[in-house]
Amino acid sequence: MSEWEHLEKDLPAEIEESLTIFRNVLGRLVRLIDESIAGAIGHPAGPRRLAESLVSRPSTQRVLVPMLQALGSSSHTIATLSEKPGLQTRDCFSVSRSVIELAVNICYILASGEEAAERAERHAKQKLFRDLDRKSTIGGQTIRLKFGGQGNLEMPSHISEMISEFTSRSGRELSWTGLSIDARCEEIGRKLGEQVLTLLHWARFAIYRHSSEVLHGTLFGALFFLGLTDPNGTPTSASDWLARIAQQNLMILMSADLAIIAVLRAVASSLDVPHLAVSANNLMGELRAAPWFSPNVNHQK
């Protein structure tokens, strides 16, 4: 038995049990996402009502399927990397950031309707064309990557219009929406209700700040993961350090769980598939019953 495996056996029982619950719930939520994808493409394995509701929202259908697939894929990655707490937990912060962004964007498109879906499509199309010929200049050095396939790359007029739409007056490329993530969440709350907003808000609050530091490779991000920014002091033993990593793991898993539950509720209410909300609510109940949420559990150690 390795030293790391020995330390895992020293994890507090309530943390170990909560990790198991959070991972299991995430796995079942991913299966509900798969069911939603099946329904969105009209596959018999998914709810028929979902495809029927999307008939009048073709752009939403086109953007929803790949975005749900990305959400499920990254959530599965988190579940896999979180099988045991360890050094790989640091990388889960970056993946969870993607999960939160995807969840917010999916809910925003469902809340805003075809106009937002169409804008997302236009942004994707113009960005695809930009990728065919791009360059970077830093410190007098220029790197250029240009499509070398056969045929002339004449820009269609409609693509040129899309590129103009997503280019600022100064020539800077713009994002697919001019709203910050918080502003998108506010709009989601107005259209889909407080329940969806609360889930996204908590998911964002739980990991967004620290995932940004980890993702951008800052010193604070490195120190945070090592437990060196904790106001209670630095870990005093290897077991203490692993327990703190396990706490981070729990936050990451909880964030992903809440984000997907928000998406399922949004799909259920926007596309008239109520059983998805029922299933999501049942899994939310399992999360709440985890020992980690007991007031007697010390979340610092």
C-alpha atoms as a PDB file:
ATOM      1  CA  MET A   1       0.000   0.000   0.000  1.00  0.00           C
ATOM      2  CA  SER A   2       1.363   3.417  -0.967  1.00  0.00           C
ATOM      3  CA  GLU A   3       1.696   6.232   1.543  1.00  0.00           C
ATOM      4  CA  TRP A   4      -1.017   8.147  -0.327  1.00  0.00           C
ATOM      5  CA  GLU A   5      -3.467   5.229  -0.058  1.00  0.00           C
ATOM      6  CA  HIS A   6      -2.676   5.014   3.634  1.00  0.00           C
ATOM      7  CA  LEU A   7      -3.516   8.690   4.091  1.00  0.00           C
ATOM      8  CA  GLU A   8      -6.836   8.227   2.277  1.00  0.00           C
ATOM      9  CA  LYS A   9      -7.901   5.834   5.008  1.00  0.00           C
ATOM     10  CA  ASP A  10      -7.392   8.662   7.528  1.00  0.00           C
ATOM     11  CA  LEU A  11     -10.002  10.907   5.935  1.00  0.00           C
ATOM     12  CA  PRO A  12     -12.862  11.766   8.302  1.00  0.00           C
ATOM     13  CA  ALA A  13     -15.795   9.430   7.668  1.00  0.00           C
ATOM     14  CA  GLU A  14     -18.229  12.267   6.974  1.00  0.00           C
ATOM     15  CA  ILE A  15     -15.946  13.673   4.267  1.00  0.00           C
ATOM     16  CA  GLU A  16     -15.372  10.297   2.632  1.00  0.00           C
ATOM     17  CA  GLU A  17     -19.099   9.517   2.647  1.00  0.00           C
ATOM     18  CA  SER A  18     -19.954  12.950   1.254  1.00  0.00           C
ATOM     19  CA  LEU A  19     -17.403  12.560  -1.543  1.00  0.00           C
ATOM     20  CA  THR A  20     -19.057   9.282  -2.521  1.00  0.00           C
ATOM     21  CA  ILE A  21     -22.524  10.852  -2.503  1.00  0.00           C
ATOM     22  CA  PHE A  22     -21.427  13.904  -4.515  1.00  0.00           C
ATOM     23  CA  ARG A  23     -19.676  11.744  -7.143  1.00  0.00           C
ATOM     24  CA  ASN A  24     -22.603   9.347  -7.468  1.00  0.00           C
ATOM     25  CA  VAL A  25     -25.048  12.207  -7.848  1.00  0.00           C
ATOM     26  CA  LEU A  26     -22.847  13.793 -10.511  1.00  0.00           C
ATOM     27  CA  GLY A  27     -22.752  10.547 -12.468  1.00  0.00           C
ATOM     28  CA  ARG A  28     -26.536  10.276 -12.428  1.00  0.00           C
ATOM     29  CA  LEU A  29     -26.901  13.926 -13.408  1.00  0.00           C
ATOM     30  CA  VAL A  30     -24.660  13.290 -16.419  1.00  0.00           C
ATOM     31  CA  ARG A  31     -26.968  10.443 -17.442  1.00  0.00           C
ATOM     32  CA  LEU A  32     -29.905  12.882 -17.287  1.00  0.00           C
ATOM     33  CA  ILE A  33     -27.922  15.222 -19.549  1.00  0.00           C
ATOM     34  CA  ASP A  34     -27.419  12.308 -21.955  1.00  0.00           C
ATOM     35  CA  GLU A  35     -31.174  11.693 -21.846  1.00  0.00           C
ATOM     36  CA  SER A  36     -31.775  15.354 -22.650  1.00  0.00           C
ATOM     37  CA  ILE A  37     -29.412  15.181 -25.628  1.00  0.00           C
ATOM     38  CA  ALA A  38     -31.238  12.118 -26.904  1.00  0.00           C
ATOM     39  CA  GLY A  39     -34.555  13.916 -26.586  1.00  0.00           C
ATOM     40  CA  ALA A  40     -33.249  17.033 -28.309  1.00  0.00           C
ATOM     41  CA  ILE A  41     -32.224  15.043 -31.402  1.00  0.00           C
ATOM     42  CA  GLY A  42     -35.420  12.990 -31.441  1.00  0.00           C
ATOM     43  CA  HIS A  43     -33.827   9.719 -30.338  1.00  0.00           C
ATOM     44  CA  PRO A  44     -36.297   7.266 -28.731  1.00  0.00           C
ATOM     45  CA  ALA A  45     -34.054   7.025 -25.659  1.00  0.00           C
ATOM     46  CA  GLY A  46     -34.955  10.616 -24.773  1.00  0.00           C
ATOM     47  CA  PRO A  47     -38.215  12.348 -23.895  1.00  0.00           C
ATOM     48  CA  ARG A  48     -40.306  12.841 -27.039  1.00  0.00           C
ATOM     49  CA  ARG A  49     -41.767  16.048 -25.651  1.00  0.00           C
ATOM     50  CA  LEU A  50     -38.357  17.716 -25.695  1.00  0.00           C
ATOM     51  CA  ALA A  51     -37.928  17.330 -29.447  1.00  0.00           C
ATOM     52  CA  GLU A  52     -41.504  18.513 -30.006  1.00  0.00           C
ATOM     53  CA  SER A  53     -40.871  21.655 -27.975  1.00  0.00           C
ATOM     54  CA  LEU A  54     -37.753  22.444 -30.006  1.00  0.00           C
ATOM     55  CA  VAL A  55     -39.555  22.326 -33.364  1.00  0.00           C
ATOM     56  CA  SER A  56     -40.387  26.020 -33.024  1.00  0.00           C
ATOM     57  CA  ARG A  57     -36.870  26.801 -31.761  1.00  0.00           C
ATOM     58  CA  PRO A  58     -34.487  25.402 -34.419  1.00  0.00           C
ATOM     59  CA  SER A  59     -31.495  27.545 -33.445  1.00  0.00           C
ATOM     60  CA  THR A  60     -31.906  26.586 -29.801  1.00  0.00           C
ATOM     61  CA  GLN A  61     -31.945  22.934 -30.822  1.00  0.00           C
ATOM     62  CA  ARG A  62     -28.768  23.322 -32.874  1.00  0.00           C
ATOM     63  CA  VAL A  63     -26.794  25.031 -30.099  1.00  0.00           C
ATOM     64  CA  LEU A  64     -28.286  23.073 -27.207  1.00  0.00           C
ATOM     65  CA  VAL A  65     -27.099  19.640 -28.327  1.00  0.00           C
ATOM     66  CA  PRO A  66     -23.332  20.338 -28.598  1.00  0.00           C
ATOM     67  CA  MET A  67     -23.363  22.512 -25.467  1.00  0.00           C
ATOM     68  CA  LEU A  68     -25.125  19.813 -23.437  1.00  0.00           C
ATOM     69  CA  GLN A  69     -22.599  17.291 -24.739  1.00  0.00           C
ATOM     70  CA  ALA A  70     -19.739  19.517 -23.622  1.00  0.00           C
ATOM     71  CA  LEU A  71     -21.382  19.956 -20.213  1.00  0.00           C
ATOM     72  CA  GLY A  72     -21.761  16.214 -19.746  1.00  0.00           C
ATOM     73  CA  SER A  73     -18.254  15.461 -20.991  1.00  0.00           C
ATOM     74  CA  SER A  74     -16.512  17.910 -18.659  1.00  0.00           C
ATOM     75  CA  SER A  75     -18.679  16.829 -15.718  1.00  0.00           C
ATOM     76  CA  HIS A  76     -17.683  13.215 -16.387  1.00  0.00           C
ATOM     77  CA  THR A  77     -14.039  14.331 -16.339  1.00  0.00           C
ATOM     78  CA  ILE A  78     -14.551  15.907 -12.909  1.00  0.00           C
ATOM     79  CA  ALA A  79     -16.181  12.722 -11.604  1.00  0.00           C
ATOM     80  CA  THR A  80     -13.281  10.640 -12.931  1.00  0.00           C
ATOM     81  CA  LEU A  81     -10.559  12.885 -11.515  1.00  0.00           C
ATOM     82  CA  SER A  82     -12.427  13.095  -8.206  1.00  0.00           C
ATOM     83  CA  GLU A  83     -12.520   9.361  -7.648  1.00  0.00           C
ATOM     84  CA  LYS A  84      -9.943   9.995  -4.942  1.00  0.00           C
ATOM     85  CA  PRO A  85      -8.661  13.323  -3.587  1.00  0.00           C
ATOM     86  CA  GLY A  86      -5.109  14.024  -4.690  1.00  0.00           C
ATOM     87  CA  LEU A  87      -2.850  16.316  -6.690  1.00  0.00           C
ATOM     88  CA  GLN A  88      -5.173  15.992  -9.697  1.00  0.00           C
ATOM     89  CA  THR A  89      -7.818  17.900  -7.728  1.00  0.00           C
ATOM     90  CA  ARG A  90      -6.035  21.117  -8.703  1.00  0.00           C
ATOM     91  CA  ASP A  91      -6.872  20.510 -12.362  1.00  0.00           C
ATOM     92  CA  CYS A  92     -10.525  19.966 -11.482  1.00  0.00           C
ATOM     93  CA  PHE A  93     -10.794  23.681 -10.720  1.00  0.00           C
ATOM     94  CA  SER A  94     -10.157  24.526 -14.374  1.00  0.00           C
ATOM     95  CA  VAL A  95     -12.616  21.932 -15.649  1.00  0.00           C
ATOM     96  CA  SER A  96     -15.273  23.023 -13.165  1.00  0.00           C
ATOM     97  CA  ARG A  97     -14.899  26.616 -14.391  1.00  0.00           C
ATOM     98  CA  SER A  98     -15.858  25.365 -17.861  1.00  0.00           C
ATOM     99  CA  VAL A  99     -18.838  23.482 -16.417  1.00  0.00           C
ATOM    100  CA  ILE A 100     -20.129  26.631 -14.701  1.00  0.00           C
ATOM    101  CA  GLU A 101     -19.694  28.759 -17.838  1.00  0.00           C
ATOM    102  CA  LEU A 102     -21.477  26.153 -19.951  1.00  0.00           C
ATOM    103  CA  ALA A 103     -24.333  25.842 -17.482  1.00  0.00           C
ATOM    104  CA  VAL A 104     -24.839  29.607 -17.338  1.00  0.00           C
ATOM    105  CA  ASN A 105     -24.726  29.944 -21.131  1.00  0.00           C
ATOM    106  CA  ILE A 106     -27.170  27.076 -21.672  1.00  0.00           C
ATOM    107  CA  CYS A 107     -29.608  28.505 -19.127  1.00  0.00           C
ATOM    108  CA  TYR A 108     -29.209  31.986 -20.614  1.00  0.00           C
ATOM    109  CA  ILE A 109     -30.028  30.749 -24.124  1.00  0.00           C
ATOM    110  CA  LEU A 110     -33.039  28.805 -22.846  1.00  0.00           C
ATOM    111  CA  ALA A 111     -34.216  31.855 -20.915  1.00  0.00           C
ATOM    112  CA  SER A 112     -33.640  34.374 -23.718  1.00  0.00           C
ATOM    113  CA  GLY A 113     -35.024  32.366 -26.621  1.00  0.00           C
ATOM    114  CA  GLU A 114     -34.119  32.127 -30.277  1.00  0.00           C
ATOM    115  CA  GLU A 115     -32.452  35.521 -30.455  1.00  0.00           C
ATOM    116  CA  ALA A 116     -29.685  34.450 -28.048  1.00  0.00           C
ATOM    117  CA  ALA A 117     -29.293  31.087 -29.785  1.00  0.00           C
ATOM    118  CA  GLU A 118     -29.008  32.773 -33.173  1.00  0.00           C
ATOM    119  CA  ARG A 119     -26.395  35.170 -31.807  1.00  0.00           C
ATOM    120  CA  ALA A 120     -24.391  32.226 -30.441  1.00  0.00           C
ATOM    121  CA  GLU A 121     -24.529  30.628 -33.900  1.00  0.00           C
ATOM    122  CA  ARG A 122     -23.382  33.796 -35.640  1.00  0.00           C
ATOM    123  CA  HIS A 123     -20.513  34.159 -33.193  1.00  0.00           C
ATOM    124  CA  ALA A 124     -19.412  30.556 -33.787  1.00  0.00           C
ATOM    125  CA  LYS A 125     -19.556  30.913 -37.583  1.00  0.00           C
ATOM    126  CA  GLN A 126     -17.523  34.107 -37.747  1.00  0.00           C
ATOM    127  CA  LYS A 127     -14.978  32.723 -35.300  1.00  0.00           C
ATOM    128  CA  LEU A 128     -14.601  29.606 -37.421  1.00  0.00           C
ATOM    129  CA  PHE A 129     -13.787  31.799 -40.422  1.00  0.00           C
ATOM    130  CA  ARG A 130     -11.335  33.909 -38.397  1.00  0.00           C
ATOM    131  CA  ASP A 131      -9.488  30.706 -37.497  1.00  0.00           C
ATOM    132  CA  LEU A 132      -8.707  30.056 -41.173  1.00  0.00           C
ATOM    133  CA  ASP A 133      -6.208  32.907 -41.201  1.00  0.00           C
ATOM    134  CA  ARG A 134      -4.897  34.231 -37.912  1.00  0.00           C
ATOM    135  CA  LYS A 135      -1.680  35.716 -36.627  1.00  0.00           C
ATOM    136  CA  SER A 136      -0.069  36.928 -33.440  1.00  0.00           C
ATOM    137  CA  THR A 137       2.628  39.552 -32.958  1.00  0.00           C
ATOM    138  CA  ILE A 138       4.557  39.775 -29.679  1.00  0.00           C
ATOM    139  CA  GLY A 139       7.852  41.583 -29.160  1.00  0.00           C
ATOM    140  CA  GLY A 140       8.473  42.016 -32.856  1.00  0.00           C
ATOM    141  CA  GLN A 141       7.793  38.339 -33.597  1.00  0.00           C
ATOM    142  CA  THR A 142       4.865  37.358 -35.796  1.00  0.00           C
ATOM    143  CA  ILE A 143       3.309  33.903 -36.006  1.00  0.00           C
ATOM    144  CA  ARG A 144       0.733  33.211 -38.702  1.00  0.00           C
ATOM    145  CA  LEU A 145      -1.442  30.184 -39.291  1.00  0.00           C
ATOM    146  CA  LYS A 146      -3.380  30.060 -42.545  1.00  0.00           C
ATOM    147  CA  PHE A 147      -5.611  27.377 -44.027  1.00  0.00           C
ATOM    148  CA  GLY A 148      -3.656  25.621 -46.757  1.00  0.00           C
ATOM    149  CA  GLY A 149      -6.421  23.607 -48.375  1.00  0.00           C
ATOM    150  CA  GLN A 150      -7.440  23.862 -51.984  1.00  0.00           C
ATOM    151  CA  GLY A 151      -9.732  26.597 -53.202  1.00  0.00           C
ATOM    152  CA  ASN A 152      -9.904  30.323 -52.684  1.00  0.00           C
ATOM    153  CA  LEU A 153     -10.894  31.661 -49.307  1.00  0.00           C
ATOM    154  CA  GLU A 154     -13.265  34.349 -50.407  1.00  0.00           C
ATOM    155  CA  MET A 155     -15.252  35.678 -47.473  1.00  0.00           C
ATOM    156  CA  PRO A 156     -19.015  35.444 -48.066  1.00  0.00           C
ATOM    157  CA  SER A 157     -20.843  38.695 -47.440  1.00  0.00           C
ATOM    158  CA  HIS A 158     -22.917  37.256 -44.609  1.00  0.00           C
ATOM    159  CA  ILE A 159     -19.741  36.103 -42.807  1.00  0.00           C
ATOM    160  CA  SER A 160     -18.235  39.548 -43.254  1.00  0.00           C
ATOM    161  CA  GLU A 161     -21.322  41.019 -41.595  1.00  0.00           C
ATOM    162  CA  MET A 162     -20.985  38.577 -38.700  1.00  0.00           C
ATOM    163  CA  ILE A 163     -17.327  39.468 -38.224  1.00  0.00           C
ATOM    164  CA  SER A 164     -18.269  43.155 -38.101  1.00  0.00           C
ATOM    165  CA  GLU A 165     -20.936  42.373 -35.517  1.00  0.00           C
ATOM    166  CA  PHE A 166     -18.344  40.824 -33.237  1.00  0.00           C
ATOM    167  CA  THR A 167     -15.601  43.407 -33.748  1.00  0.00           C
ATOM    168  CA  SER A 168     -15.317  46.548 -31.637  1.00  0.00           C
ATOM    169  CA  ARG A 169     -14.572  49.970 -33.098  1.00  0.00           C
ATOM    170  CA  SER A 170     -10.960  49.552 -32.003  1.00  0.00           C
ATOM    171  CA  GLY A 171     -10.715  46.247 -33.880  1.00  0.00           C
ATOM    172  CA  ARG A 172     -10.927  43.994 -30.825  1.00  0.00           C
ATOM    173  CA  GLU A 173     -12.796  40.717 -31.209  1.00  0.00           C
ATOM    174  CA  LEU A 174     -15.911  40.610 -29.036  1.00  0.00           C
ATOM    175  CA  SER A 175     -17.380  37.724 -27.069  1.00  0.00           C
ATOM    176  CA  TRP A 176     -20.629  36.029 -28.039  1.00  0.00           C
ATOM    177  CA  THR A 177     -22.582  38.143 -25.555  1.00  0.00           C
ATOM    178  CA  GLY A 178     -21.784  41.509 -24.080  1.00  0.00           C
ATOM    179  CA  LEU A 179     -23.123  40.471 -20.678  1.00  0.00           C
ATOM    180  CA  SER A 180     -20.912  39.422 -17.785  1.00  0.00           C
ATOM    181  CA  ILE A 181     -21.585  36.056 -16.172  1.00  0.00           C
ATOM    182  CA  ASP A 182     -23.333  37.797 -13.288  1.00  0.00           C
ATOM    183  CA  ALA A 183     -25.543  39.774 -15.661  1.00  0.00           C
ATOM    184  CA  ARG A 184     -26.443  36.566 -17.498  1.00  0.00           C
ATOM    185  CA  CYS A 185     -27.350  34.952 -14.188  1.00  0.00           C
ATOM    186  CA  GLU A 186     -29.567  37.921 -13.322  1.00  0.00           C
ATOM    187  CA  GLU A 187     -31.379  37.586 -16.637  1.00  0.00           C
ATOM    188  CA  ILE A 188     -31.806  33.861 -16.047  1.00  0.00           C
ATOM    189  CA  GLY A 189     -33.328  34.583 -12.662  1.00  0.00           C
ATOM    190  CA  ARG A 190     -35.787  37.059 -14.160  1.00  0.00           C
ATOM    191  CA  LYS A 191     -36.920  34.607 -16.833  1.00  0.00           C
ATOM    192  CA  LEU A 192     -36.628  31.206 -15.146  1.00  0.00           C
ATOM    193  CA  GLY A 193     -37.045  32.068 -11.486  1.00  0.00           C
ATOM    194  CA  GLU A 194     -35.107  32.237  -8.234  1.00  0.00           C
ATOM    195  CA  GLN A 195     -34.567  28.479  -7.964  1.00  0.00           C
ATOM    196  CA  VAL A 196     -32.444  28.304 -11.102  1.00  0.00           C
ATOM    197  CA  LEU A 197     -30.649  31.540 -10.216  1.00  0.00           C
ATOM    198  CA  THR A 198     -29.817  30.330  -6.694  1.00  0.00           C
ATOM    199  CA  LEU A 199     -28.272  27.111  -8.002  1.00  0.00           C
ATOM    200  CA  LEU A 200     -26.112  28.934 -10.543  1.00  0.00           C
ATOM    201  CA  HIS A 201     -25.173  31.607  -8.017  1.00  0.00           C
ATOM    202  CA  TRP A 202     -23.958  29.047  -5.497  1.00  0.00           C
ATOM    203  CA  ALA A 203     -22.143  27.024  -8.159  1.00  0.00           C
ATOM    204  CA  ARG A 204     -20.364  30.151  -9.341  1.00  0.00           C
ATOM    205  CA  PHE A 205     -19.594  31.410  -5.847  1.00  0.00           C
ATOM    206  CA  ALA A 206     -18.174  28.063  -4.711  1.00  0.00           C
ATOM    207  CA  ILE A 207     -15.311  27.816  -7.201  1.00  0.00           C
ATOM    208  CA  TYR A 208     -15.244  30.699  -9.682  1.00  0.00           C
ATOM    209  CA  ARG A 209     -12.830  32.989  -7.833  1.00  0.00           C
ATOM    210  CA  HIS A 210     -10.253  30.337  -7.012  1.00  0.00           C
ATOM    211  CA  SER A 211     -10.625  28.469 -10.309  1.00  0.00           C
ATOM    212  CA  SER A 212      -9.709  31.712 -12.057  1.00  0.00           C
ATOM    213  CA  GLU A 213      -6.468  31.963 -10.074  1.00  0.00           C
ATOM    214  CA  VAL A 214      -5.620  28.307 -10.722  1.00  0.00           C
ATOM    215  CA  LEU A 215      -6.480  28.589 -14.408  1.00  0.00           C
ATOM    216  CA  HIS A 216      -4.358  31.709 -14.870  1.00  0.00           C
ATOM    217  CA  GLY A 217      -1.375  30.192 -13.090  1.00  0.00           C
ATOM    218  CA  THR A 218      -1.001  32.792 -10.362  1.00  0.00           C
ATOM    219  CA  LEU A 219       1.082  32.390  -7.215  1.00  0.00           C
ATOM    220  CA  PHE A 220      -2.080  32.726  -5.134  1.00  0.00           C
ATOM    221  CA  GLY A 221      -3.633  29.820  -7.051  1.00  0.00           C
ATOM    222  CA  ALA A 222      -0.608  27.623  -6.304  1.00  0.00           C
ATOM    223  CA  LEU A 223      -0.550  28.616  -2.634  1.00  0.00           C
ATOM    224  CA  PHE A 224      -4.306  28.167  -2.263  1.00  0.00           C
ATOM    225  CA  PHE A 225      -4.235  24.565  -3.456  1.00  0.00           C
ATOM    226  CA  LEU A 226      -1.393  23.763  -1.073  1.00  0.00           C
ATOM    227  CA  GLY A 227      -3.448  25.100   1.839  1.00  0.00           C
ATOM    228  CA  LEU A 228      -1.015  27.952   2.431  1.00  0.00           C
ATOM    229  CA  THR A 229      -3.664  30.688   2.305  1.00  0.00           C
ATOM    230  CA  ASP A 230      -5.932  29.195   4.969  1.00  0.00           C
ATOM    231  CA  PRO A 231      -6.492  31.670   7.863  1.00  0.00           C
ATOM    232  CA  ASN A 232      -6.500  28.694  10.243  1.00  0.00           C
ATOM    233  CA  GLY A 233      -2.863  28.057   9.399  1.00  0.00           C
ATOM    234  CA  THR A 234      -0.946  25.765   7.091  1.00  0.00           C
ATOM    235  CA  PRO A 235      -1.462  21.989   7.176  1.00  0.00           C
ATOM    236  CA  THR A 236       0.521  20.426   9.995  1.00  0.00           C
ATOM    237  CA  SER A 237       0.678  16.898   8.564  1.00  0.00           C
ATOM    238  CA  ALA A 238       0.216  14.972   5.363  1.00  0.00           C
ATOM    239  CA  SER A 239      -3.160  13.731   6.606  1.00  0.00           C
ATOM    240  CA  ASP A 240      -4.260  17.297   7.334  1.00  0.00           C
ATOM    241  CA  TRP A 241      -3.182  18.377   3.861  1.00  0.00           C
ATOM    242  CA  LEU A 242      -5.110  15.536   2.195  1.00  0.00           C
ATOM    243  CA  ALA A 243      -8.206  16.409   4.246  1.00  0.00           C
ATOM    244  CA  ARG A 244      -8.026  19.990   2.969  1.00  0.00           C
ATOM    245  CA  ILE A 245      -7.685  18.758  -0.606  1.00  0.00           C
ATOM    246  CA  ALA A 246     -10.739  16.585   0.010  1.00  0.00           C
ATOM    247  CA  GLN A 247     -12.629  19.696   1.113  1.00  0.00           C
ATOM    248  CA  GLN A 248     -11.689  21.392  -2.160  1.00  0.00           C
ATOM    249  CA  ASN A 249     -12.825  18.263  -3.976  1.00  0.00           C
ATOM    250  CA  LEU A 250     -16.192  18.490  -2.276  1.00  0.00           C
ATOM    251  CA  MET A 251     -16.604  22.126  -3.298  1.00  0.00           C
ATOM    252  CA  ILE A 252     -15.778  21.274  -6.917  1.00  0.00           C
ATOM    253  CA  LEU A 253     -18.198  18.349  -7.025  1.00  0.00           C
ATOM    254  CA  MET A 254     -20.941  20.346  -5.327  1.00  0.00           C
ATOM    255  CA  SER A 255     -20.478  23.177  -7.809  1.00  0.00           C
ATOM    256  CA  ALA A 256     -20.811  20.832 -10.787  1.00  0.00           C
ATOM    257  CA  ASP A 257     -23.834  19.117  -9.224  1.00  0.00           C
ATOM    258  CA  LEU A 258     -25.645  22.403  -8.634  1.00  0.00           C
ATOM    259  CA  ALA A 259     -24.817  23.697 -12.107  1.00  0.00           C
ATOM    260  CA  ILE A 260     -26.270  20.631 -13.829  1.00  0.00           C
ATOM    261  CA  ILE A 261     -29.364  20.645 -11.628  1.00  0.00           C
ATOM    262  CA  ALA A 262     -29.885  24.260 -12.711  1.00  0.00           C
ATOM    263  CA  VAL A 263     -29.601  23.247 -16.365  1.00  0.00           C
ATOM    264  CA  LEU A 264     -32.057  20.374 -15.956  1.00  0.00           C
ATOM    265  CA  ARG A 265     -34.552  22.676 -14.259  1.00  0.00           C
ATOM    266  CA  ALA A 266     -34.092  25.202 -17.054  1.00  0.00           C
ATOM    267  CA  VAL A 267     -34.648  22.557 -19.730  1.00  0.00           C
ATOM    268  CA  ALA A 268     -37.669  21.236 -17.859  1.00  0.00           C
ATOM    269  CA  SER A 269     -39.376  24.613 -17.527  1.00  0.00           C
ATOM    270  CA  SER A 270     -38.397  26.048 -20.923  1.00  0.00           C
ATOM    271  CA  LEU A 271     -39.149  22.967 -23.021  1.00  0.00           C
ATOM    272  CA  ASP A 272     -42.018  21.395 -21.057  1.00  0.00           C
ATOM    273  CA  VAL A 273     -40.202  18.288 -19.789  1.00  0.00           C
ATOM    274  CA  PRO A 274     -41.257  18.283 -16.108  1.00  0.00           C
ATOM    275  CA  HIS A 275     -39.888  14.855 -15.238  1.00  0.00           C
ATOM    276  CA  LEU A 276     -36.336  16.194 -15.664  1.00  0.00           C
ATOM    277  CA  ALA A 277     -36.991  18.701 -12.882  1.00  0.00           C
ATOM    278  CA  VAL A 278     -38.459  15.967 -10.685  1.00  0.00           C
ATOM    279  CA  SER A 279     -35.373  13.779 -11.177  1.00  0.00           C
ATOM    280  CA  ALA A 280     -33.057  16.740 -10.560  1.00  0.00           C
ATOM    281  CA  ASN A 281     -34.934  17.694  -7.391  1.00  0.00           C
ATOM    282  CA  ASN A 282     -34.666  14.133  -6.077  1.00  0.00           C
ATOM    283  CA  LEU A 283     -30.898  14.215  -6.577  1.00  0.00           C
ATOM    284  CA  MET A 284     -30.787  17.611  -4.889  1.00  0.00           C
ATOM    285  CA  GLY A 285     -32.380  15.947  -1.869  1.00  0.00           C
ATOM    286  CA  GLU A 286     -29.621  13.343  -1.808  1.00  0.00           C
ATOM    287  CA  LEU A 287     -27.001  16.079  -1.869  1.00  0.00           C
ATOM    288  CA  ARG A 288     -28.600  17.878   1.050  1.00  0.00           C
ATOM    289  CA  ALA A 289     -28.583  14.661   3.080  1.00  0.00           C
ATOM    290  CA  ALA A 290     -24.789  14.317   2.785  1.00  0.00           C
ATOM    291  CA  PRO A 291     -22.948  14.475   6.130  1.00  0.00           C
ATOM    292  CA  TRP A 292     -20.858  17.398   4.856  1.00  0.00           C
ATOM    293  CA  PHE A 293     -23.878  19.659   5.247  1.00  0.00           C
ATOM    294  CA  SER A 294     -24.280  18.732   8.895  1.00  0.00           C
ATOM    295  CA  PRO A 295     -23.622  21.707  11.230  1.00  0.00           C
ATOM    296  CA  ASN A 296     -21.325  19.445  13.247  1.00  0.00           C
ATOM    297  CA  VAL A 297     -18.864  18.954  10.377  1.00  0.00           C
ATOM    298  CA  ASN A 298     -15.707  21.075  10.437  1.00  0.00           C
ATOM    299  CA  HIS A 299     -15.244  22.392   6.885  1.00  0.00           C
ATOM    300  CA  GLN A 300     -11.743  23.648   7.614  1.00  0.00           C
ATOM    301  CA  LYS A 301     -10.062  20.367   8.342  1.00  0.00           C
END
